[in-house]
C-alpha atoms as a PDB file:
ATOM      1  CA  UNK A   1    -173.390 111.388 -12.068  1.00  0.00           C
ATOM      2  CA  UNK A   2    -172.497 109.092 -14.677  1.00  0.00           C
ATOM      3  CA  UNK A   3    -172.310 105.920 -13.940  1.00  0.00           C
ATOM      4  CA  UNK A   4    -169.510 103.833 -14.024  1.00  0.00           C
ATOM      5  CA  UNK A   5    -168.006 100.320 -12.584  1.00  0.00           C
ATOM      6  CA  UNK A   6    -164.790 102.687 -11.048  1.00  0.00           C
ATOM      7  CA  UNK A   7    -164.726 102.984  -7.158  1.00  0.00           C
ATOM      8  CA  UNK A   8    -166.268 106.717  -6.826  1.00  0.00           C
ATOM      9  CA  UNK A   9    -163.458 109.121  -5.797  1.00  0.00           C
ATOM     10  CA  UNK A  10    -164.177 110.776  -2.596  1.00  0.00           C
ATOM     11  CA  UNK A  11    -164.280 114.045  -2.905  1.00  0.00           C
ATOM     12  CA  UNK A  12    -164.092 116.096   0.161  1.00  0.00           C
ATOM     13  CA  UNK A  13    -165.888 119.385  -0.580  1.00  0.00           C
ATOM     14  CA  UNK A  14    -167.997 122.914  -0.310  1.00  0.00           C
ATOM     15  CA  UNK A  15    -169.470 124.752  -2.732  1.00  0.00           C
ATOM     16  CA  UNK A  16    -166.859 127.341  -3.612  1.00  0.00           C
ATOM     17  CA  UNK A  17    -165.236 128.446  -6.453  1.00  0.00           C
ATOM     18  CA  UNK A  18    -161.892 125.911  -5.955  1.00  0.00           C
ATOM     19  CA  UNK A  19    -164.275 123.139  -5.027  1.00  0.00           C
ATOM     20  CA  UNK A  20    -166.075 123.698  -8.200  1.00  0.00           C
ATOM     21  CA  UNK A  21    -163.002 122.958  -9.967  1.00  0.00           C
ATOM     22  CA  UNK A  22    -163.318 119.677  -9.060  1.00  0.00           C
ATOM     23  CA  UNK A  23    -167.256 118.761  -9.708  1.00  0.00           C
ATOM     24  CA  UNK A  24    -167.198 120.294 -12.975  1.00  0.00           C
ATOM     25  CA  UNK A  25    -163.693 118.268 -13.976  1.00  0.00           C
ATOM     26  CA  UNK A  26    -165.470 114.931 -12.154  1.00  0.00           C
ATOM     27  CA  UNK A  27    -168.396 116.203 -14.293  1.00  0.00           C
ATOM     28  CA  UNK A  28    -166.897 116.382 -17.744  1.00  0.00           C
ATOM     29  CA  UNK A  29    -165.232 112.716 -17.704  1.00  0.00           C
ATOM     30  CA  UNK A  30    -167.811 111.199 -15.912  1.00  0.00           C
ATOM     31  CA  UNK A  31    -165.929 110.011 -13.143  1.00  0.00           C
ATOM     32  CA  UNK A  32    -168.342 108.819 -10.036  1.00  0.00           C
ATOM     33  CA  UNK A  33    -167.628 110.109  -6.918  1.00  0.00           C
ATOM     34  CA  UNK A  34    -169.025 111.121  -3.494  1.00  0.00           C
ATOM     35  CA  UNK A  35    -169.368 113.853  -1.440  1.00  0.00           C
ATOM     36  CA  UNK A  36    -167.481 114.535   1.283  1.00  0.00           C
ATOM     37  CA  UNK A  37    -168.987 117.524   2.919  1.00  0.00           C
ATOM     38  CA  UNK A  38    -166.046 119.876   4.745  1.00  0.00           C
ATOM     39  CA  UNK A  39    -167.993 122.916   6.217  1.00  0.00           C
ATOM     40  CA  UNK A  40    -164.998 125.349   6.560  1.00  0.00           C
ATOM     41  CA  UNK A  41    -167.717 128.028   8.426  1.00  0.00           C
ATOM     42  CA  UNK A  42    -167.921 125.369  11.120  1.00  0.00           C
ATOM     43  CA  UNK A  43    -164.140 124.328  11.061  1.00  0.00           C
ATOM     44  CA  UNK A  44    -164.175 120.837   9.268  1.00  0.00           C
ATOM     45  CA  UNK A  45    -160.683 121.155   7.089  1.00  0.00           C
ATOM     46  CA  UNK A  46    -159.113 121.477  10.948  1.00  0.00           C
ATOM     47  CA  UNK A  47    -160.509 117.970  12.031  1.00  0.00           C
ATOM     48  CA  UNK A  48    -157.598 114.994  11.928  1.00  0.00           C
ATOM     49  CA  UNK A  49    -158.855 112.419   9.238  1.00  0.00           C
ATOM     50  CA  UNK A  50    -159.268 115.907   6.871  1.00  0.00           C
ATOM     51  CA  UNK A  51    -155.470 117.076   7.827  1.00  0.00           C
ATOM     52  CA  UNK A  52    -154.292 113.488   7.010  1.00  0.00           C
ATOM     53  CA  UNK A  53    -155.277 113.925   3.367  1.00  0.00           C
ATOM     54  CA  UNK A  54    -155.068 118.279   3.295  1.00  0.00           C
ATOM     55  CA  UNK A  55    -151.935 119.275   5.580  1.00  0.00           C
ATOM     56  CA  UNK A  56    -152.743 122.658   4.769  1.00  0.00           C
ATOM     57  CA  UNK A  57    -156.564 122.405   6.052  1.00  0.00           C
ATOM     58  CA  UNK A  58    -157.860 123.681   2.605  1.00  0.00           C
ATOM     59  CA  UNK A  59    -160.331 122.299   0.665  1.00  0.00           C
ATOM     60  CA  UNK A  60    -160.784 120.293  -2.411  1.00  0.00           C
ATOM     61  CA  UNK A  61    -158.792 116.834  -1.732  1.00  0.00           C
ATOM     62  CA  UNK A  62    -159.479 113.894  -3.133  1.00  0.00           C
ATOM     63  CA  UNK A  63    -158.954 109.889  -2.005  1.00  0.00           C
ATOM     64  CA  UNK A  64    -158.941 108.106  -5.464  1.00  0.00           C
ATOM     65  CA  UNK A  65    -159.561 104.324  -4.378  1.00  0.00           C
ATOM     66  CA  UNK A  66    -158.628 103.345  -8.028  1.00  0.00           C
ATOM     67  CA  UNK A  67    -155.215 105.259  -8.171  1.00  0.00           C
ATOM     68  CA  UNK A  68    -151.645 104.198  -9.363  1.00  0.00           C
ATOM     69  CA  UNK A  69    -150.601 100.862  -9.484  1.00  0.00           C
ATOM     70  CA  UNK A  70    -154.656 100.317  -8.549  1.00  0.00           C
ATOM     71  CA  UNK A  71    -153.845 101.293  -4.880  1.00  0.00           C
ATOM     72  CA  UNK A  72    -155.545 104.375  -2.980  1.00  0.00           C
ATOM     73  CA  UNK A  73    -153.819 107.864  -3.603  1.00  0.00           C
ATOM     74  CA  UNK A  74    -155.046 111.557  -1.918  1.00  0.00           C
ATOM     75  CA  UNK A  75    -154.111 114.418  -3.431  1.00  0.00           C
ATOM     76  CA  UNK A  76    -154.931 118.008  -2.384  1.00  0.00           C
ATOM     77  CA  UNK A  77    -154.597 121.756  -4.072  1.00  0.00           C
ATOM     78  CA  UNK A  78    -157.146 122.065  -6.942  1.00  0.00           C
ATOM     79  CA  UNK A  79    -154.746 122.963  -9.720  1.00  0.00           C
ATOM     80  CA  UNK A  80    -153.090 119.621  -8.412  1.00  0.00           C
ATOM     81  CA  UNK A  81    -156.075 117.279  -8.099  1.00  0.00           C
ATOM     82  CA  UNK A  82    -157.224 118.928 -11.973  1.00  0.00           C
ATOM     83  CA  UNK A  83    -153.533 117.452 -13.501  1.00  0.00           C
ATOM     84  CA  UNK A  84    -154.075 114.473 -11.567  1.00  0.00           C
ATOM     85  CA  UNK A  85    -157.385 113.740 -12.943  1.00  0.00           C
ATOM     86  CA  UNK A  86    -156.709 115.075 -16.771  1.00  0.00           C
ATOM     87  CA  UNK A  87    -153.705 112.420 -16.494  1.00  0.00           C
ATOM     88  CA  UNK A  88    -155.976 109.601 -14.905  1.00  0.00           C
ATOM     89  CA  UNK A  89    -158.448 109.803 -17.978  1.00  0.00           C
ATOM     90  CA  UNK A  90    -156.954 111.265 -20.853  1.00  0.00           C
ATOM     91  CA  UNK A  91    -158.967 114.010 -20.767  1.00  0.00           C
ATOM     92  CA  UNK A  92    -158.888 117.294 -21.149  1.00  0.00           C
ATOM     93  CA  UNK A  93    -154.938 118.180 -20.596  1.00  0.00           C
ATOM     94  CA  UNK A  94    -152.810 117.680 -23.470  1.00  0.00           C
ATOM     95  CA  UNK A  95    -150.276 114.550 -23.610  1.00  0.00           C
ATOM     96  CA  UNK A  96    -148.104 116.148 -25.697  1.00  0.00           C
ATOM     97  CA  UNK A  97    -145.215 118.882 -24.302  1.00  0.00           C
ATOM     98  CA  UNK A  98    -146.251 121.521 -25.918  1.00  0.00           C
ATOM     99  CA  UNK A  99    -149.836 121.429 -25.392  1.00  0.00           C
ATOM    100  CA  UNK A 100    -149.327 120.916 -21.603  1.00  0.00           C
ATOM    101  CA  UNK A 101    -147.047 123.345 -20.625  1.00  0.00           C
ATOM    102  CA  UNK A 102    -149.801 126.251 -22.670  1.00  0.00           C
ATOM    103  CA  UNK A 103    -152.481 124.165 -20.071  1.00  0.00           C
ATOM    104  CA  UNK A 104    -150.340 124.426 -17.220  1.00  0.00           C
ATOM    105  CA  UNK A 105    -148.804 128.332 -17.360  1.00  0.00           C
ATOM    106  CA  UNK A 106    -152.435 129.644 -17.098  1.00  0.00           C
ATOM    107  CA  UNK A 107    -153.286 126.996 -14.656  1.00  0.00           C
ATOM    108  CA  UNK A 108    -150.594 128.388 -12.355  1.00  0.00           C
ATOM    109  CA  UNK A 109    -151.744 131.425 -13.260  1.00  0.00           C
ATOM    110  CA  UNK A 110    -155.262 130.975 -12.023  1.00  0.00           C
ATOM    111  CA  UNK A 111    -153.810 129.030  -8.779  1.00  0.00           C
ATOM    112  CA  UNK A 112    -151.141 131.712  -7.894  1.00  0.00           C
ATOM    113  CA  UNK A 113    -152.776 134.634  -8.998  1.00  0.00           C
ATOM    114  CA  UNK A 114    -156.358 134.584 -10.353  1.00  0.00           C
ATOM    115  CA  UNK A 115    -157.637 133.012  -7.242  1.00  0.00           C
ATOM    116  CA  UNK A 116    -155.875 134.531  -4.826  1.00  0.00           C
ATOM    117  CA  UNK A 117    -156.466 138.063  -5.816  1.00  0.00           C
ATOM    118  CA  UNK A 118    -160.602 137.857  -6.146  1.00  0.00           C
ATOM    119  CA  UNK A 119    -160.303 136.406  -2.963  1.00  0.00           C
ATOM    120  CA  UNK A 120    -158.621 138.869  -1.383  1.00  0.00           C
ATOM    121  CA  UNK A 121    -160.914 141.638  -3.367  1.00  0.00           C
ATOM    122  CA  UNK A 122    -163.988 139.644  -2.036  1.00  0.00           C
ATOM    123  CA  UNK A 123    -162.559 139.070   1.598  1.00  0.00           C
ATOM    124  CA  UNK A 124    -161.579 143.500   1.921  1.00  0.00           C
ATOM    125  CA  UNK A 125    -164.763 144.443  -0.567  1.00  0.00           C
ATOM    126  CA  UNK A 126    -167.551 142.315   1.223  1.00  0.00           C
ATOM    127  CA  UNK A 127    -166.345 140.106   4.053  1.00  0.00           C
ATOM    128  CA  UNK A 128    -163.942 142.229   6.245  1.00  0.00           C
ATOM    129  CA  UNK A 129    -165.174 143.681   9.513  1.00  0.00           C
ATOM    130  CA  UNK A 130    -163.758 146.778   8.883  1.00  0.00           C
ATOM    131  CA  UNK A 131    -163.444 148.323   5.628  1.00  0.00           C
ATOM    132  CA  UNK A 132    -159.906 149.352   4.696  1.00  0.00           C
ATOM    133  CA  UNK A 133    -159.776 151.412   1.526  1.00  0.00           C
ATOM    134  CA  UNK A 134    -156.350 150.737   0.396  1.00  0.00           C
ATOM    135  CA  UNK A 135    -157.087 147.003   0.769  1.00  0.00           C
ATOM    136  CA  UNK A 136    -160.082 147.577  -1.527  1.00  0.00           C
ATOM    137  CA  UNK A 137    -159.004 149.624  -3.804  1.00  0.00           C
ATOM    138  CA  UNK A 138    -155.909 147.359  -3.920  1.00  0.00           C
ATOM    139  CA  UNK A 139    -157.427 144.451  -4.814  1.00  0.00           C
ATOM    140  CA  UNK A 140    -160.161 145.409  -6.803  1.00  0.00           C
ATOM    141  CA  UNK A 141    -157.511 147.143  -9.178  1.00  0.00           C
ATOM    142  CA  UNK A 142    -155.508 144.378  -9.528  1.00  0.00           C
ATOM    143  CA  UNK A 143    -158.414 142.022 -10.206  1.00  0.00           C
ATOM    144  CA  UNK A 144    -159.009 143.988 -12.917  1.00  0.00           C
ATOM    145  CA  UNK A 145    -155.703 144.166 -13.905  1.00  0.00           C
ATOM    146  CA  UNK A 146    -156.260 140.023 -14.341  1.00  0.00           C
ATOM    147  CA  UNK A 147    -159.375 140.382 -16.435  1.00  0.00           C
ATOM    148  CA  UNK A 148    -157.533 142.627 -18.929  1.00  0.00           C
ATOM    149  CA  UNK A 149    -155.085 139.374 -18.914  1.00  0.00           C
ATOM    150  CA  UNK A 150    -157.418 137.245 -19.677  1.00  0.00           C
ATOM    151  CA  UNK A 151    -159.405 139.495 -21.797  1.00  0.00           C
ATOM    152  CA  UNK A 152    -156.298 139.747 -24.526  1.00  0.00           C
ATOM    153  CA  UNK A 153    -155.524 136.122 -23.950  1.00  0.00           C
ATOM    154  CA  UNK A 154    -159.413 135.424 -24.997  1.00  0.00           C
ATOM    155  CA  UNK A 155    -159.163 138.107 -27.674  1.00  0.00           C
ATOM    156  CA  UNK A 156    -158.203 135.304 -31.042  1.00  0.00           C
ATOM    157  CA  UNK A 157    -159.173 131.835 -28.978  1.00  0.00           C
ATOM    158  CA  UNK A 158    -162.046 130.491 -27.905  1.00  0.00           C
ATOM    159  CA  UNK A 159    -160.370 128.768 -25.160  1.00  0.00           C
ATOM    160  CA  UNK A 160    -157.392 129.995 -23.302  1.00  0.00           C
ATOM    161  CA  UNK A 161    -155.118 127.835 -23.759  1.00  0.00           C
ATOM    162  CA  UNK A 162    -156.223 126.041 -26.873  1.00  0.00           C
ATOM    163  CA  UNK A 163    -158.991 123.445 -26.482  1.00  0.00           C
ATOM    164  CA  UNK A 164    -161.291 123.217 -23.369  1.00  0.00           C
ATOM    165  CA  UNK A 165    -159.516 122.254 -20.687  1.00  0.00           C
ATOM    166  CA  UNK A 166    -158.209 121.585 -16.865  1.00  0.00           C
ATOM    167  CA  UNK A 167    -157.716 125.352 -17.197  1.00  0.00           C
ATOM    168  CA  UNK A 168    -160.891 126.766 -18.428  1.00  0.00           C
ATOM    169  CA  UNK A 169    -162.452 124.560 -15.729  1.00  0.00           C
ATOM    170  CA  UNK A 170    -160.077 126.504 -12.972  1.00  0.00           C
ATOM    171  CA  UNK A 171    -160.554 130.020 -14.125  1.00  0.00           C
ATOM    172  CA  UNK A 172    -164.434 129.889 -14.736  1.00  0.00           C
ATOM    173  CA  UNK A 173    -165.562 129.679 -11.402  1.00  0.00           C
ATOM    174  CA  UNK A 174    -163.821 132.678 -10.224  1.00  0.00           C
ATOM    175  CA  UNK A 175    -164.785 134.579 -12.733  1.00  0.00           C
ATOM    176  CA  UNK A 176    -168.590 133.790 -12.667  1.00  0.00           C
ATOM    177  CA  UNK A 177    -168.066 135.580  -9.808  1.00  0.00           C
ATOM    178  CA  UNK A 178    -167.214 139.346 -10.867  1.00  0.00           C
ATOM    179  CA  UNK A 179    -169.720 141.399  -9.915  1.00  0.00           C
ATOM    180  CA  UNK A 180    -168.615 140.652  -6.543  1.00  0.00           C
ATOM    181  CA  UNK A 181    -165.257 141.365  -7.282  1.00  0.00           C
ATOM    182  CA  UNK A 182    -165.823 145.761  -8.083  1.00  0.00           C
ATOM    183  CA  UNK A 183    -166.120 144.687 -12.082  1.00  0.00           C
ATOM    184  CA  UNK A 184    -167.860 145.123 -15.355  1.00  0.00           C
ATOM    185  CA  UNK A 185    -168.370 141.868 -17.717  1.00  0.00           C
ATOM    186  CA  UNK A 186    -168.927 144.023 -19.843  1.00  0.00           C
ATOM    187  CA  UNK A 187    -164.943 146.085 -19.831  1.00  0.00           C
ATOM    188  CA  UNK A 188    -163.824 142.494 -20.603  1.00  0.00           C
ATOM    189  CA  UNK A 189    -166.462 141.584 -24.063  1.00  0.00           C
ATOM    190  CA  UNK A 190    -164.071 138.004 -24.816  1.00  0.00           C
ATOM    191  CA  UNK A 191    -164.012 136.836 -21.128  1.00  0.00           C
ATOM    192  CA  UNK A 192    -168.070 137.795 -21.226  1.00  0.00           C
ATOM    193  CA  UNK A 193    -168.006 135.626 -24.766  1.00  0.00           C
ATOM    194  CA  UNK A 194    -166.003 132.535 -23.016  1.00  0.00           C
ATOM    195  CA  UNK A 195    -168.164 132.575 -19.916  1.00  0.00           C
ATOM    196  CA  UNK A 196    -170.726 132.826 -20.998  1.00  0.00           C
ATOM    197  CA  UNK A 197    -169.489 129.327 -23.290  1.00  0.00           C
ATOM    198  CA  UNK A 198    -168.149 127.730 -20.359  1.00  0.00           C
ATOM    199  CA  UNK A 199    -171.804 128.261 -18.011  1.00  0.00           C
ATOM    200  CA  UNK A 200    -173.561 126.999 -20.975  1.00  0.00           C
ATOM    201  CA  UNK A 201    -171.364 123.503 -20.941  1.00  0.00           C
ATOM    202  CA  UNK A 202    -174.235 121.232 -18.816  1.00  0.00           C
ATOM    203  CA  UNK A 203    -170.966 119.788 -17.150  1.00  0.00           C
ATOM    204  CA  UNK A 204    -170.082 123.008 -15.621  1.00  0.00           C
ATOM    205  CA  UNK A 205    -173.878 123.616 -14.911  1.00  0.00           C
ATOM    206  CA  UNK A 206    -173.921 120.403 -13.270  1.00  0.00           C
ATOM    207  CA  UNK A 207    -170.562 120.771 -11.064  1.00  0.00           C
ATOM    208  CA  UNK A 208    -171.458 124.194 -10.149  1.00  0.00           C
ATOM    209  CA  UNK A 209    -174.696 123.385  -8.583  1.00  0.00           C
ATOM    210  CA  UNK A 210    -173.477 120.070  -6.349  1.00  0.00           C
ATOM    211  CA  UNK A 211    -174.269 120.527  -3.157  1.00  0.00           C
ATOM    212  CA  UNK A 212    -175.398 124.617  -4.157  1.00  0.00           C
ATOM    213  CA  UNK A 213    -177.568 124.485  -1.208  1.00  0.00           C
ATOM    214  CA  UNK A 214    -174.866 124.253   1.440  1.00  0.00           C
ATOM    215  CA  UNK A 215    -173.480 127.069  -0.157  1.00  0.00           C
ATOM    216  CA  UNK A 216    -175.688 129.900   2.110  1.00  0.00           C
ATOM    217  CA  UNK A 217    -174.757 127.599   4.826  1.00  0.00           C
ATOM    218  CA  UNK A 218    -172.036 129.787   5.400  1.00  0.00           C
ATOM    219  CA  UNK A 219    -172.395 133.169   6.379  1.00  0.00           C
ATOM    220  CA  UNK A 220    -169.191 135.019   5.974  1.00  0.00           C
ATOM    221  CA  UNK A 221    -170.347 137.933   7.508  1.00  0.00           C
ATOM    222  CA  UNK A 222    -171.174 135.725  11.342  1.00  0.00           C
ATOM    223  CA  UNK A 223    -168.227 136.573  13.729  1.00  0.00           C
ATOM    224  CA  UNK A 224    -168.480 132.823  14.520  1.00  0.00           C
ATOM    225  CA  UNK A 225    -167.358 132.072  11.275  1.00  0.00           C
ATOM    226  CA  UNK A 226    -164.767 134.442  10.487  1.00  0.00           C
ATOM    227  CA  UNK A 227    -163.053 133.391  13.531  1.00  0.00           C
ATOM    228  CA  UNK A 228    -162.939 130.025  11.817  1.00  0.00           C
ATOM    229  CA  UNK A 229    -162.073 131.201   8.852  1.00  0.00           C
ATOM    230  CA  UNK A 230    -160.115 134.487   8.801  1.00  0.00           C
ATOM    231  CA  UNK A 231    -158.267 133.874  12.218  1.00  0.00           C
ATOM    232  CA  UNK A 232    -156.832 130.879  11.405  1.00  0.00           C
ATOM    233  CA  UNK A 233    -153.688 130.003  13.472  1.00  0.00           C
ATOM    234  CA  UNK A 234    -151.378 126.729  13.545  1.00  0.00           C
ATOM    235  CA  UNK A 235    -153.386 123.872  15.312  1.00  0.00           C
END
């Protein structure tokens, strides 16, 4: 992590695609940060102190002690965090309206579709205790469609929304898991080229490696872990 006189940002995190979005951005910007582990397999996301920051009981979330006006601010939802950090630093998020809209469209595309649909593909293909062919086909096919959208977008440009931006940082952590989603990256040559470019960036590699040793601590095939992650009810 880059040295800075700024007070470190507290990052409530577990090494998943949504968590990687934020470590990548923090590393790209050289912002100091402190990892606050949220072990989602053990139910840390339901602790009252975390819910005060992230009421939807999902990580990542941040607390920036040097927020607007020099006062602390907490932010949850990975897309909102990326936007906030982009505004804070003036980096990877255009300041002109046309450029910002271009980035926002693809950031929201990831948040509303590419992440949730790929997550469902992961769930039904790998983790669901019962194999449901309809669900596996439904989400694998929708994932394939979304990769096709991304491939077409990248056919004539290096990055998703013009210059390298938070949109790329949001999409790449999910795209790097294409094999688990039942996809063949060779079917999407423009995505493959872009993903290779992304994964060659030192800050992206550093972001993905943050707490990587913890990733194997969450066995999503363990019924006890599944009860925490997939059997969530209002608390």
